[in-house]
């Protein structure tokens, strides 16, 4: 390339325009700022942004807008995932309440269903429900759709302190098995059954 041609290309670049004071409008300043940021960003990964004039100056701002949209979508998805994860940590008794309302179960019925179950998760669930029904029958707690294990445990700590630890073991094991799909070993299951027996035999003081 001849020296005259090289100088001509340099004189046509936007950076030379800025040095000569020929690019002072607000829109141009915004484009230049975005372009410098994009140049810096691409420079971090050893890439270069093509020089150009006219409509090619819109490329940096389009790139920035698309990047901003992708960033906003990513933040929205992340927030939604975190919110759903938080929601999954809290379970009320609505399903169990409906099941007890639809069936005339007794504590003995539920314990038998647990003993006859071939699936560990189902066995644990029936024993968990049996304990809730027994506590409700003894007027220790009141089963309603909006109740949660956290609320029940809080009430037991206030009024029936000796039942708080067995209920914690019961609820914790139930959550691990039913919602977490975790296999419970023999020791944990034995502790769960002991806690369940303590709760099903509880009486209102």
N, C-alpha and C. Protein backbone atom coordinates (compact mmCIF):
# COMPACT_ATOMS: atom_id res chain seq x y z
N UNK A 1 0.85 -1.19 0.00
CA UNK A 1 0.00 0.00 0.00
C UNK A 1 0.89 1.25 0.00
N UNK A 2 0.54 2.23 -0.84
CA UNK A 2 1.32 3.45 -0.90
C UNK A 2 1.11 4.30 0.34
N UNK A 3 2.10 5.14 0.63
CA UNK A 3 2.03 6.01 1.81
C UNK A 3 0.82 6.93 1.73
N UNK A 4 0.51 7.47 0.56
CA UNK A 4 -0.62 8.38 0.41
C UNK A 4 -1.94 7.66 0.70
N UNK A 5 -2.05 6.40 0.25
CA UNK A 5 -3.28 5.63 0.51
C UNK A 5 -3.43 5.34 1.99
N UNK A 6 -2.33 4.98 2.64
CA UNK A 6 -2.38 4.69 4.08
C UNK A 6 -2.79 5.93 4.86
N UNK A 7 -2.22 7.09 4.51
CA UNK A 7 -2.58 8.33 5.19
C UNK A 7 -4.04 8.68 4.98
N UNK A 8 -4.55 8.42 3.77
CA UNK A 8 -5.94 8.72 3.48
C UNK A 8 -6.86 7.88 4.38
N UNK A 9 -6.54 6.61 4.55
CA UNK A 9 -7.36 5.74 5.40
C UNK A 9 -7.33 6.21 6.84
N UNK A 10 -6.15 6.63 7.31
CA UNK A 10 -6.03 7.12 8.68
C UNK A 10 -6.89 8.36 8.88
N UNK A 11 -6.85 9.26 7.88
CA UNK A 11 -7.62 10.51 7.98
C UNK A 11 -9.12 10.26 7.97
N UNK A 12 -9.56 9.10 7.48
CA UNK A 12 -10.98 8.80 7.42
C UNK A 12 -11.50 8.09 8.67
N UNK A 13 -10.61 7.71 9.56
CA UNK A 13 -11.05 6.97 10.74
C UNK A 13 -11.71 7.90 11.74
N UNK A 14 -12.57 7.31 12.60
CA UNK A 14 -13.31 8.10 13.60
C UNK A 14 -12.37 8.63 14.66
N UNK A 15 -11.31 7.87 14.98
CA UNK A 15 -10.39 8.35 16.00
C UNK A 15 -9.70 9.65 15.55
N UNK A 16 -9.36 9.75 14.27
CA UNK A 16 -8.73 10.96 13.76
C UNK A 16 -9.73 12.11 13.76
N UNK A 17 -10.98 11.81 13.46
CA UNK A 17 -12.03 12.84 13.53
C UNK A 17 -12.13 13.42 14.92
N UNK A 18 -12.06 12.55 15.94
CA UNK A 18 -12.15 13.05 17.30
C UNK A 18 -10.96 13.92 17.65
N UNK A 19 -9.77 13.52 17.19
CA UNK A 19 -8.57 14.31 17.45
C UNK A 19 -8.65 15.68 16.80
N UNK A 20 -9.28 15.76 15.65
CA UNK A 20 -9.39 17.02 14.92
C UNK A 20 -10.60 17.83 15.33
N UNK A 21 -11.39 17.28 16.30
CA UNK A 21 -12.55 18.03 16.77
C UNK A 21 -13.71 18.02 15.81
N UNK A 22 -13.78 17.03 14.94
CA UNK A 22 -14.86 16.99 13.97
C UNK A 22 -16.00 16.08 14.41
N UNK A 23 -15.96 15.54 15.62
CA UNK A 23 -17.02 14.64 16.10
C UNK A 23 -17.38 15.06 17.52
N UNK A 24 -18.29 16.01 17.65
CA UNK A 24 -18.60 16.56 18.94
C UNK A 24 -20.08 16.46 19.30
N UNK A 25 -20.90 15.90 18.40
CA UNK A 25 -22.31 15.81 18.73
C UNK A 25 -22.54 14.73 19.79
N UNK A 26 -23.66 14.87 20.53
CA UNK A 26 -23.95 13.96 21.65
C UNK A 26 -24.09 12.52 21.18
N UNK A 27 -24.83 12.33 20.09
CA UNK A 27 -25.02 10.97 19.57
C UNK A 27 -23.68 10.33 19.21
N UNK A 28 -22.83 11.12 18.58
CA UNK A 28 -21.51 10.60 18.22
C UNK A 28 -20.68 10.28 19.44
N UNK A 29 -20.81 11.13 20.48
CA UNK A 29 -20.06 10.87 21.70
C UNK A 29 -20.50 9.58 22.36
N UNK A 30 -21.82 9.33 22.34
CA UNK A 30 -22.34 8.09 22.92
C UNK A 30 -21.83 6.88 22.13
N UNK A 31 -21.88 6.99 20.81
CA UNK A 31 -21.38 5.90 19.97
C UNK A 31 -19.90 5.66 20.23
N UNK A 32 -19.15 6.75 20.35
CA UNK A 32 -17.71 6.61 20.59
C UNK A 32 -17.44 5.93 21.93
N UNK A 33 -18.24 6.30 22.94
CA UNK A 33 -18.06 5.69 24.26
C UNK A 33 -18.34 4.20 24.21
N UNK A 34 -19.42 3.84 23.54
CA UNK A 34 -19.77 2.42 23.41
C UNK A 34 -18.71 1.69 22.62
N UNK A 35 -18.23 2.35 21.54
CA UNK A 35 -17.22 1.69 20.71
C UNK A 35 -15.94 1.45 21.49
N UNK A 36 -15.55 2.43 22.32
CA UNK A 36 -14.33 2.26 23.11
C UNK A 36 -14.49 1.10 24.09
N UNK A 37 -15.71 1.00 24.66
CA UNK A 37 -15.96 -0.11 25.59
C UNK A 37 -15.90 -1.44 24.86
N UNK A 38 -16.52 -1.51 23.68
CA UNK A 38 -16.51 -2.75 22.91
C UNK A 38 -15.09 -3.10 22.49
N UNK A 39 -14.34 -2.06 22.05
CA UNK A 39 -12.94 -2.30 21.67
C UNK A 39 -12.14 -2.85 22.85
N UNK A 40 -12.39 -2.26 24.03
CA UNK A 40 -11.68 -2.75 25.22
C UNK A 40 -12.07 -4.18 25.55
N UNK A 41 -13.39 -4.46 25.45
CA UNK A 41 -13.88 -5.79 25.76
C UNK A 41 -13.32 -6.82 24.80
N UNK A 42 -13.35 -6.49 23.51
CA UNK A 42 -12.82 -7.42 22.52
C UNK A 42 -11.31 -7.56 22.65
N UNK A 43 -10.65 -6.47 23.07
CA UNK A 43 -9.22 -6.52 23.27
C UNK A 43 -8.82 -7.48 24.37
N UNK A 44 -9.73 -7.68 25.33
CA UNK A 44 -9.44 -8.61 26.42
C UNK A 44 -9.34 -10.04 25.92
N UNK A 45 -10.03 -10.32 24.81
CA UNK A 45 -9.96 -11.68 24.24
C UNK A 45 -9.18 -11.68 22.93
N UNK A 46 -8.33 -10.65 22.74
CA UNK A 46 -7.46 -10.56 21.57
C UNK A 46 -8.21 -10.53 20.25
N UNK A 47 -9.34 -9.81 20.25
CA UNK A 47 -10.10 -9.60 19.02
C UNK A 47 -10.10 -8.12 18.70
N UNK A 48 -10.30 -7.77 17.46
CA UNK A 48 -10.35 -6.37 17.08
C UNK A 48 -11.67 -6.06 16.42
N UNK A 49 -12.16 -4.84 16.64
CA UNK A 49 -13.43 -4.44 16.05
C UNK A 49 -13.15 -3.72 14.74
N UNK A 50 -13.83 -4.03 13.66
CA UNK A 50 -13.54 -3.42 12.36
C UNK A 50 -13.84 -1.93 12.34
N UNK A 51 -12.96 -1.17 11.70
CA UNK A 51 -13.18 0.25 11.53
C UNK A 51 -14.18 0.48 10.42
N UNK A 52 -14.84 1.62 10.46
CA UNK A 52 -15.76 1.93 9.39
C UNK A 52 -16.38 3.28 9.60
N UNK A 53 -17.17 3.73 8.67
CA UNK A 53 -17.85 5.02 8.76
C UNK A 53 -19.31 4.83 8.44
N UNK A 54 -20.09 5.88 8.64
CA UNK A 54 -21.50 5.85 8.27
C UNK A 54 -22.28 4.88 9.10
N UNK A 55 -23.07 4.02 8.40
CA UNK A 55 -23.96 3.10 9.08
C UNK A 55 -23.23 2.07 9.91
N UNK A 56 -21.95 1.82 9.59
CA UNK A 56 -21.20 0.82 10.35
C UNK A 56 -21.01 1.24 11.80
N UNK A 57 -21.21 2.52 12.11
CA UNK A 57 -21.08 2.99 13.48
C UNK A 57 -22.23 2.50 14.34
N UNK A 58 -23.30 2.04 13.73
CA UNK A 58 -24.43 1.51 14.48
C UNK A 58 -24.14 0.12 15.04
N UNK A 59 -23.14 -0.54 14.47
CA UNK A 59 -22.84 -1.91 14.90
C UNK A 59 -22.52 -1.99 16.39
N UNK A 60 -21.64 -1.10 16.92
CA UNK A 60 -21.34 -1.20 18.36
C UNK A 60 -22.56 -1.03 19.24
N UNK A 61 -23.42 -0.07 18.91
CA UNK A 61 -24.58 0.15 19.77
C UNK A 61 -25.58 -0.99 19.66
N UNK A 62 -25.70 -1.58 18.45
CA UNK A 62 -26.56 -2.75 18.30
C UNK A 62 -26.01 -3.91 19.12
N UNK A 63 -24.70 -4.06 19.06
CA UNK A 63 -24.04 -5.10 19.85
C UNK A 63 -24.31 -4.89 21.33
N UNK A 64 -24.20 -3.64 21.78
CA UNK A 64 -24.43 -3.33 23.19
C UNK A 64 -25.88 -3.57 23.59
N UNK A 65 -26.83 -3.21 22.72
CA UNK A 65 -28.25 -3.41 23.03
C UNK A 65 -28.56 -4.90 23.14
N UNK A 66 -28.06 -5.68 22.17
CA UNK A 66 -28.29 -7.13 22.21
C UNK A 66 -27.67 -7.73 23.47
N UNK A 67 -26.44 -7.28 23.79
CA UNK A 67 -25.81 -7.78 25.01
C UNK A 67 -26.59 -7.42 26.25
N UNK A 68 -27.12 -6.19 26.28
CA UNK A 68 -27.93 -5.77 27.43
C UNK A 68 -29.19 -6.59 27.57
N UNK A 69 -29.83 -6.89 26.43
CA UNK A 69 -31.05 -7.71 26.46
C UNK A 69 -30.71 -9.11 26.98
N UNK A 70 -29.62 -9.68 26.46
CA UNK A 70 -29.23 -11.03 26.92
C UNK A 70 -28.91 -11.03 28.41
N UNK A 71 -28.25 -9.96 28.87
CA UNK A 71 -27.93 -9.85 30.30
C UNK A 71 -29.21 -9.77 31.13
N UNK A 72 -30.17 -8.95 30.67
CA UNK A 72 -31.44 -8.81 31.40
C UNK A 72 -32.19 -10.13 31.45
N UNK A 73 -32.22 -10.85 30.31
CA UNK A 73 -32.89 -12.16 30.28
C UNK A 73 -32.20 -13.14 31.21
N UNK A 74 -30.86 -13.13 31.20
CA UNK A 74 -30.12 -14.02 32.09
C UNK A 74 -30.41 -13.74 33.55
N UNK A 75 -30.45 -12.46 33.92
CA UNK A 75 -30.76 -12.10 35.31
C UNK A 75 -32.17 -12.50 35.69
N UNK A 76 -33.11 -12.34 34.75
CA UNK A 76 -34.51 -12.73 35.00
C UNK A 76 -34.62 -14.23 35.23
N UNK A 77 -33.96 -15.01 34.37
CA UNK A 77 -34.00 -16.47 34.51
C UNK A 77 -33.36 -16.90 35.83
N UNK A 78 -32.23 -16.28 36.18
CA UNK A 78 -31.56 -16.61 37.44
C UNK A 78 -32.45 -16.30 38.63
N UNK A 79 -33.10 -15.12 38.60
CA UNK A 79 -33.99 -14.74 39.70
C UNK A 79 -35.17 -15.71 39.81
N UNK A 80 -35.70 -16.12 38.65
CA UNK A 80 -36.84 -17.06 38.66
C UNK A 80 -36.43 -18.42 39.22
N UNK A 81 -35.24 -18.89 38.84
CA UNK A 81 -34.75 -20.18 39.35
C UNK A 81 -34.56 -20.11 40.86
N UNK A 82 -33.96 -19.01 41.35
CA UNK A 82 -33.74 -18.86 42.78
C UNK A 82 -35.07 -18.77 43.53
N UNK A 83 -36.04 -18.07 42.94
CA UNK A 83 -37.35 -17.94 43.58
C UNK A 83 -38.05 -19.28 43.65
N UNK A 84 -37.99 -20.05 42.57
CA UNK A 84 -38.62 -21.38 42.58
C UNK A 84 -37.93 -22.31 43.57
N UNK A 85 -36.61 -22.20 43.64
CA UNK A 85 -35.87 -23.02 44.61
C UNK A 85 -36.30 -22.69 46.03
N UNK A 86 -36.50 -21.41 46.30
CA UNK A 86 -36.97 -20.99 47.63
C UNK A 86 -38.38 -21.49 47.89
N UNK A 87 -39.24 -21.42 46.87
CA UNK A 87 -40.61 -21.88 47.04
C UNK A 87 -40.67 -23.37 47.34
N UNK A 88 -39.76 -24.15 46.71
CA UNK A 88 -39.78 -25.60 46.91
C UNK A 88 -39.37 -26.00 48.32
N UNK A 89 -38.75 -25.08 49.05
CA UNK A 89 -38.30 -25.40 50.39
C UNK A 89 -39.45 -25.38 51.39
N UNK A 90 -40.56 -24.78 51.02
CA UNK A 90 -41.69 -24.64 51.93
C UNK A 90 -42.87 -25.45 51.39
N UNK A 91 -43.36 -26.39 52.17
CA UNK A 91 -44.48 -27.22 51.77
C UNK A 91 -45.54 -27.16 52.86
N UNK A 92 -46.79 -26.89 52.46
CA UNK A 92 -47.87 -26.92 53.44
C UNK A 92 -48.54 -28.29 53.41
N UNK A 93 -49.58 -28.43 54.23
CA UNK A 93 -50.24 -29.73 54.37
C UNK A 93 -51.49 -29.85 53.51
N UNK A 94 -51.60 -29.04 52.46
CA UNK A 94 -52.83 -29.03 51.67
C UNK A 94 -53.14 -30.40 51.06
N UNK A 95 -52.14 -31.06 50.47
CA UNK A 95 -52.38 -32.37 49.86
C UNK A 95 -52.77 -33.41 50.91
N UNK A 96 -52.05 -33.40 52.02
CA UNK A 96 -52.36 -34.35 53.09
C UNK A 96 -53.73 -34.07 53.69
N UNK A 97 -54.07 -32.79 53.85
CA UNK A 97 -55.38 -32.42 54.38
C UNK A 97 -56.49 -32.93 53.48
N UNK A 98 -56.30 -32.77 52.16
CA UNK A 98 -57.31 -33.27 51.21
C UNK A 98 -57.43 -34.80 51.27
N UNK A 99 -56.29 -35.47 51.42
CA UNK A 99 -56.30 -36.94 51.49
C UNK A 99 -57.02 -37.42 52.74
N UNK A 100 -56.76 -36.77 53.87
CA UNK A 100 -57.43 -37.15 55.11
C UNK A 100 -58.93 -36.84 55.05
N UNK A 101 -59.26 -35.72 54.37
CA UNK A 101 -60.67 -35.36 54.24
C UNK A 101 -61.41 -36.35 53.35
N UNK A 102 -60.75 -36.82 52.29
CA UNK A 102 -61.39 -37.72 51.34
C UNK A 102 -61.47 -39.15 51.85
N UNK A 103 -60.62 -39.53 52.81
CA UNK A 103 -60.60 -40.90 53.33
C UNK A 103 -60.81 -40.89 54.84
N UNK A 104 -61.51 -41.87 55.30
CA UNK A 104 -61.80 -41.96 56.73
C UNK A 104 -60.71 -42.77 57.43
N UNK A 105 -59.46 -42.28 57.29
CA UNK A 105 -58.33 -42.99 57.86
C UNK A 105 -58.30 -42.85 59.38
N UNK A 106 -57.84 -43.93 60.02
CA UNK A 106 -57.47 -43.85 61.43
C UNK A 106 -55.95 -43.96 61.51
N UNK A 107 -55.42 -43.70 62.69
CA UNK A 107 -53.98 -43.84 62.87
C UNK A 107 -53.55 -45.28 62.60
N UNK A 108 -54.36 -46.22 63.07
CA UNK A 108 -54.04 -47.64 62.85
C UNK A 108 -54.06 -47.99 61.37
N UNK A 109 -55.02 -47.42 60.62
CA UNK A 109 -55.08 -47.67 59.18
C UNK A 109 -53.80 -47.20 58.49
N UNK A 110 -53.37 -46.01 58.86
CA UNK A 110 -52.19 -45.43 58.23
C UNK A 110 -50.92 -46.20 58.60
N UNK A 111 -50.84 -46.67 59.83
CA UNK A 111 -49.68 -47.46 60.23
C UNK A 111 -49.65 -48.78 59.47
N UNK A 112 -50.81 -49.39 59.24
CA UNK A 112 -50.87 -50.64 58.47
C UNK A 112 -50.49 -50.40 57.02
N UNK A 113 -50.97 -49.28 56.45
CA UNK A 113 -50.60 -48.94 55.08
C UNK A 113 -49.08 -48.76 54.96
N UNK A 114 -48.49 -48.18 56.00
CA UNK A 114 -47.05 -48.01 56.01
C UNK A 114 -46.33 -49.35 56.08
N UNK A 115 -46.81 -50.24 56.96
CA UNK A 115 -46.18 -51.56 57.10
C UNK A 115 -46.31 -52.39 55.82
N UNK A 116 -47.43 -52.23 55.10
CA UNK A 116 -47.69 -53.03 53.91
C UNK A 116 -47.05 -52.44 52.65
N UNK A 117 -46.58 -51.19 52.72
CA UNK A 117 -46.03 -50.53 51.53
C UNK A 117 -44.72 -51.20 51.10
N UNK A 118 -44.57 -51.37 49.80
CA UNK A 118 -43.34 -51.96 49.26
C UNK A 118 -42.30 -50.89 48.91
N UNK A 119 -42.73 -49.65 48.86
CA UNK A 119 -41.84 -48.54 48.55
C UNK A 119 -41.54 -47.76 49.82
N UNK A 120 -40.26 -47.53 50.08
CA UNK A 120 -39.87 -46.86 51.33
C UNK A 120 -40.46 -45.46 51.44
N UNK A 121 -40.48 -44.72 50.34
CA UNK A 121 -41.02 -43.36 50.37
C UNK A 121 -42.48 -43.38 50.80
N UNK A 122 -43.24 -44.31 50.24
CA UNK A 122 -44.66 -44.40 50.58
C UNK A 122 -44.83 -44.80 52.05
N UNK A 123 -44.02 -45.73 52.52
CA UNK A 123 -44.09 -46.16 53.92
C UNK A 123 -43.82 -44.99 54.86
N UNK A 124 -42.82 -44.21 54.54
CA UNK A 124 -42.48 -43.05 55.37
C UNK A 124 -43.61 -42.02 55.34
N UNK A 125 -44.19 -41.83 54.17
CA UNK A 125 -45.27 -40.84 54.06
C UNK A 125 -46.47 -41.23 54.91
N UNK A 126 -46.87 -42.50 54.88
CA UNK A 126 -48.03 -42.93 55.67
C UNK A 126 -47.76 -42.80 57.17
N UNK A 127 -46.55 -43.10 57.59
CA UNK A 127 -46.22 -42.95 59.01
C UNK A 127 -46.21 -41.48 59.41
N UNK A 128 -45.73 -40.64 58.53
CA UNK A 128 -45.73 -39.21 58.78
C UNK A 128 -47.17 -38.70 58.95
N UNK A 129 -48.06 -39.14 58.05
CA UNK A 129 -49.46 -38.72 58.15
C UNK A 129 -50.10 -39.27 59.42
N UNK A 130 -49.75 -40.50 59.77
CA UNK A 130 -50.29 -41.11 61.00
C UNK A 130 -49.92 -40.27 62.22
N UNK A 131 -48.67 -39.80 62.26
CA UNK A 131 -48.24 -38.97 63.39
C UNK A 131 -49.01 -37.66 63.43
N UNK A 132 -49.22 -37.04 62.27
CA UNK A 132 -50.00 -35.79 62.22
C UNK A 132 -51.42 -36.02 62.70
N UNK A 133 -52.03 -37.10 62.22
CA UNK A 133 -53.41 -37.39 62.61
C UNK A 133 -53.52 -37.67 64.11
N UNK A 134 -52.53 -38.38 64.65
CA UNK A 134 -52.52 -38.67 66.09
C UNK A 134 -52.38 -37.38 66.90
N UNK A 135 -51.50 -36.48 66.47
CA UNK A 135 -51.32 -35.21 67.18
C UNK A 135 -52.57 -34.35 67.09
N UNK A 136 -53.24 -34.41 65.95
CA UNK A 136 -54.50 -33.68 65.80
C UNK A 136 -55.58 -34.28 66.69
N UNK A 137 -55.64 -35.61 66.74
CA UNK A 137 -56.64 -36.26 67.57
C UNK A 137 -56.40 -36.02 69.05
N UNK A 138 -55.14 -35.88 69.44
CA UNK A 138 -54.81 -35.62 70.84
C UNK A 138 -54.92 -34.13 71.18
N UNK A 139 -55.31 -33.32 70.20
CA UNK A 139 -55.45 -31.86 70.35
C UNK A 139 -54.12 -31.18 70.65
N UNK A 140 -53.05 -31.82 70.22
CA UNK A 140 -51.72 -31.21 70.37
C UNK A 140 -51.51 -30.17 69.26
N UNK A 141 -51.95 -30.52 68.04
CA UNK A 141 -51.91 -29.59 66.92
C UNK A 141 -53.25 -29.62 66.21
N UNK A 142 -53.43 -28.72 65.28
CA UNK A 142 -54.62 -28.71 64.44
C UNK A 142 -54.15 -28.79 62.99
N UNK A 143 -54.59 -29.82 62.28
CA UNK A 143 -54.22 -29.98 60.88
C UNK A 143 -55.12 -29.08 60.02
N UNK A 144 -54.49 -28.19 59.27
CA UNK A 144 -55.23 -27.39 58.28
C UNK A 144 -54.32 -27.20 57.06
N UNK A 145 -54.92 -26.88 55.92
CA UNK A 145 -54.13 -26.84 54.67
C UNK A 145 -52.93 -25.91 54.69
N UNK A 146 -52.99 -24.83 55.46
CA UNK A 146 -51.90 -23.84 55.43
C UNK A 146 -50.78 -24.16 56.42
N UNK A 147 -50.95 -25.20 57.23
CA UNK A 147 -49.91 -25.54 58.20
C UNK A 147 -48.66 -26.06 57.49
N UNK A 148 -47.51 -25.78 58.09
CA UNK A 148 -46.23 -26.30 57.60
C UNK A 148 -45.51 -26.97 58.76
N UNK A 149 -44.51 -27.75 58.45
CA UNK A 149 -43.73 -28.39 59.50
C UNK A 149 -43.05 -27.37 60.40
N UNK A 150 -42.62 -26.25 59.79
CA UNK A 150 -41.95 -25.21 60.58
C UNK A 150 -42.92 -24.62 61.61
N UNK A 151 -44.17 -24.40 61.22
CA UNK A 151 -45.16 -23.86 62.16
C UNK A 151 -45.49 -24.87 63.25
N UNK A 152 -45.62 -26.13 62.86
CA UNK A 152 -45.91 -27.17 63.85
C UNK A 152 -44.77 -27.28 64.85
N UNK A 153 -43.54 -27.31 64.34
CA UNK A 153 -42.38 -27.42 65.22
C UNK A 153 -42.30 -26.22 66.17
N UNK A 154 -42.59 -25.03 65.68
CA UNK A 154 -42.56 -23.84 66.53
C UNK A 154 -43.59 -23.95 67.66
N UNK A 155 -44.78 -24.45 67.32
CA UNK A 155 -45.81 -24.62 68.34
C UNK A 155 -45.44 -25.67 69.38
N UNK A 156 -44.83 -26.76 68.92
CA UNK A 156 -44.41 -27.80 69.85
C UNK A 156 -43.32 -27.30 70.79
N UNK A 157 -42.40 -26.50 70.28
CA UNK A 157 -41.33 -25.95 71.13
C UNK A 157 -41.90 -25.05 72.22
N UNK A 158 -43.02 -24.40 71.93
CA UNK A 158 -43.62 -23.49 72.91
C UNK A 158 -44.45 -24.25 73.94
N UNK A 159 -45.25 -25.22 73.47
CA UNK A 159 -46.23 -25.85 74.37
C UNK A 159 -45.96 -27.31 74.70
N UNK A 160 -45.23 -28.02 73.86
CA UNK A 160 -44.96 -29.45 74.09
C UNK A 160 -43.49 -29.73 73.76
N UNK A 161 -42.63 -29.25 74.62
CA UNK A 161 -41.19 -29.29 74.34
C UNK A 161 -40.66 -30.71 74.15
N UNK A 162 -41.23 -31.69 74.84
CA UNK A 162 -40.73 -33.06 74.72
C UNK A 162 -41.03 -33.67 73.35
N UNK A 163 -41.99 -33.08 72.64
CA UNK A 163 -42.36 -33.62 71.33
C UNK A 163 -41.62 -32.92 70.19
N UNK A 164 -40.90 -31.85 70.50
CA UNK A 164 -40.24 -31.08 69.44
C UNK A 164 -39.17 -31.89 68.72
N UNK A 165 -38.31 -32.58 69.47
CA UNK A 165 -37.24 -33.34 68.84
C UNK A 165 -37.77 -34.51 68.02
N UNK A 166 -38.72 -35.32 68.55
CA UNK A 166 -39.28 -36.39 67.71
C UNK A 166 -39.93 -35.86 66.43
N UNK A 167 -40.62 -34.73 66.55
CA UNK A 167 -41.26 -34.20 65.35
C UNK A 167 -40.22 -33.70 64.35
N UNK A 168 -39.13 -33.10 64.85
CA UNK A 168 -38.07 -32.66 63.94
C UNK A 168 -37.51 -33.85 63.16
N UNK A 169 -37.24 -34.96 63.86
CA UNK A 169 -36.73 -36.16 63.20
C UNK A 169 -37.73 -36.67 62.17
N UNK A 170 -39.00 -36.71 62.56
CA UNK A 170 -40.06 -37.18 61.68
C UNK A 170 -40.13 -36.33 60.41
N UNK A 171 -40.21 -35.00 60.59
CA UNK A 171 -40.37 -34.10 59.45
C UNK A 171 -39.13 -34.09 58.57
N UNK A 172 -37.97 -34.10 59.20
CA UNK A 172 -36.72 -34.07 58.43
C UNK A 172 -36.57 -35.31 57.56
N UNK A 173 -36.84 -36.46 58.13
CA UNK A 173 -36.73 -37.71 57.37
C UNK A 173 -37.77 -37.76 56.26
N UNK A 174 -38.98 -37.30 56.56
CA UNK A 174 -40.05 -37.26 55.55
C UNK A 174 -39.65 -36.38 54.37
N UNK A 175 -39.09 -35.22 54.65
CA UNK A 175 -38.67 -34.32 53.57
C UNK A 175 -37.56 -34.93 52.74
N UNK A 176 -36.60 -35.55 53.38
CA UNK A 176 -35.50 -36.18 52.64
C UNK A 176 -36.02 -37.28 51.72
N UNK A 177 -36.92 -38.10 52.23
CA UNK A 177 -37.40 -39.24 51.45
C UNK A 177 -38.43 -38.84 50.41
N UNK A 178 -39.42 -38.03 50.82
CA UNK A 178 -40.55 -37.75 49.93
C UNK A 178 -40.23 -36.67 48.89
N UNK A 179 -39.67 -35.57 49.33
CA UNK A 179 -39.38 -34.48 48.42
C UNK A 179 -37.96 -34.55 47.85
N UNK A 180 -37.04 -35.13 48.60
CA UNK A 180 -35.66 -35.23 48.13
C UNK A 180 -35.33 -36.53 47.45
N UNK A 181 -36.27 -37.49 47.46
CA UNK A 181 -36.06 -38.79 46.82
C UNK A 181 -34.78 -39.46 47.31
N UNK A 182 -34.49 -39.27 48.58
CA UNK A 182 -33.27 -39.87 49.13
C UNK A 182 -33.61 -41.20 49.81
N UNK A 183 -32.76 -42.18 49.60
CA UNK A 183 -32.94 -43.47 50.27
C UNK A 183 -32.50 -43.34 51.73
N UNK A 184 -33.37 -43.81 52.63
CA UNK A 184 -33.10 -43.72 54.07
C UNK A 184 -32.52 -45.06 54.53
N UNK A 185 -31.38 -45.01 55.23
CA UNK A 185 -30.77 -46.26 55.67
C UNK A 185 -31.50 -46.82 56.90
N UNK A 186 -31.11 -47.99 57.32
CA UNK A 186 -31.82 -48.68 58.40
C UNK A 186 -31.78 -47.91 59.71
N UNK A 187 -30.64 -47.31 60.02
CA UNK A 187 -30.53 -46.54 61.27
C UNK A 187 -31.45 -45.34 61.26
N UNK A 188 -31.44 -44.60 60.16
CA UNK A 188 -32.32 -43.43 60.04
C UNK A 188 -33.79 -43.83 60.08
N UNK A 189 -34.12 -44.94 59.42
CA UNK A 189 -35.52 -45.37 59.41
C UNK A 189 -35.96 -45.81 60.80
N UNK A 190 -35.06 -46.46 61.54
CA UNK A 190 -35.39 -46.87 62.92
C UNK A 190 -35.63 -45.65 63.79
N UNK A 191 -34.80 -44.61 63.64
CA UNK A 191 -34.99 -43.37 64.40
C UNK A 191 -36.32 -42.71 64.01
N UNK A 192 -36.63 -42.77 62.71
CA UNK A 192 -37.89 -42.21 62.22
C UNK A 192 -39.08 -42.93 62.85
N UNK A 193 -39.03 -44.25 62.89
CA UNK A 193 -40.13 -45.03 63.47
C UNK A 193 -40.27 -44.77 64.96
N UNK A 194 -39.15 -44.64 65.67
CA UNK A 194 -39.19 -44.33 67.10
C UNK A 194 -39.83 -42.97 67.34
N UNK A 195 -39.46 -42.00 66.53
CA UNK A 195 -40.04 -40.67 66.64
C UNK A 195 -41.53 -40.70 66.34
N UNK A 196 -41.91 -41.47 65.33
CA UNK A 196 -43.32 -41.60 64.97
C UNK A 196 -44.12 -42.21 66.12
N UNK A 197 -43.57 -43.24 66.75
CA UNK A 197 -44.27 -43.88 67.87
C UNK A 197 -44.45 -42.91 69.03
N UNK A 198 -43.43 -42.10 69.30
CA UNK A 198 -43.53 -41.11 70.38
C UNK A 198 -44.63 -40.10 70.11
N UNK A 199 -44.80 -39.74 68.85
CA UNK A 199 -45.81 -38.74 68.48
C UNK A 199 -47.21 -39.34 68.45
N UNK A 200 -47.32 -40.57 67.97
CA UNK A 200 -48.65 -41.19 67.90
C UNK A 200 -49.18 -41.52 69.30
N UNK A 201 -48.30 -41.64 70.28
CA UNK A 201 -48.73 -41.94 71.66
C UNK A 201 -48.87 -40.69 72.50
N UNK A 202 -48.64 -39.52 71.90
CA UNK A 202 -48.70 -38.26 72.65
C UNK A 202 -50.11 -37.95 73.09
N UNK A 203 -50.22 -37.30 74.23
CA UNK A 203 -51.51 -36.87 74.78
C UNK A 203 -51.44 -35.39 75.11
N UNK A 204 -52.58 -34.75 75.03
CA UNK A 204 -52.64 -33.34 75.42
C UNK A 204 -52.43 -33.21 76.90
N UNK A 205 -51.42 -32.38 77.28
CA UNK A 205 -51.10 -32.27 78.71
C UNK A 205 -52.20 -31.54 79.46
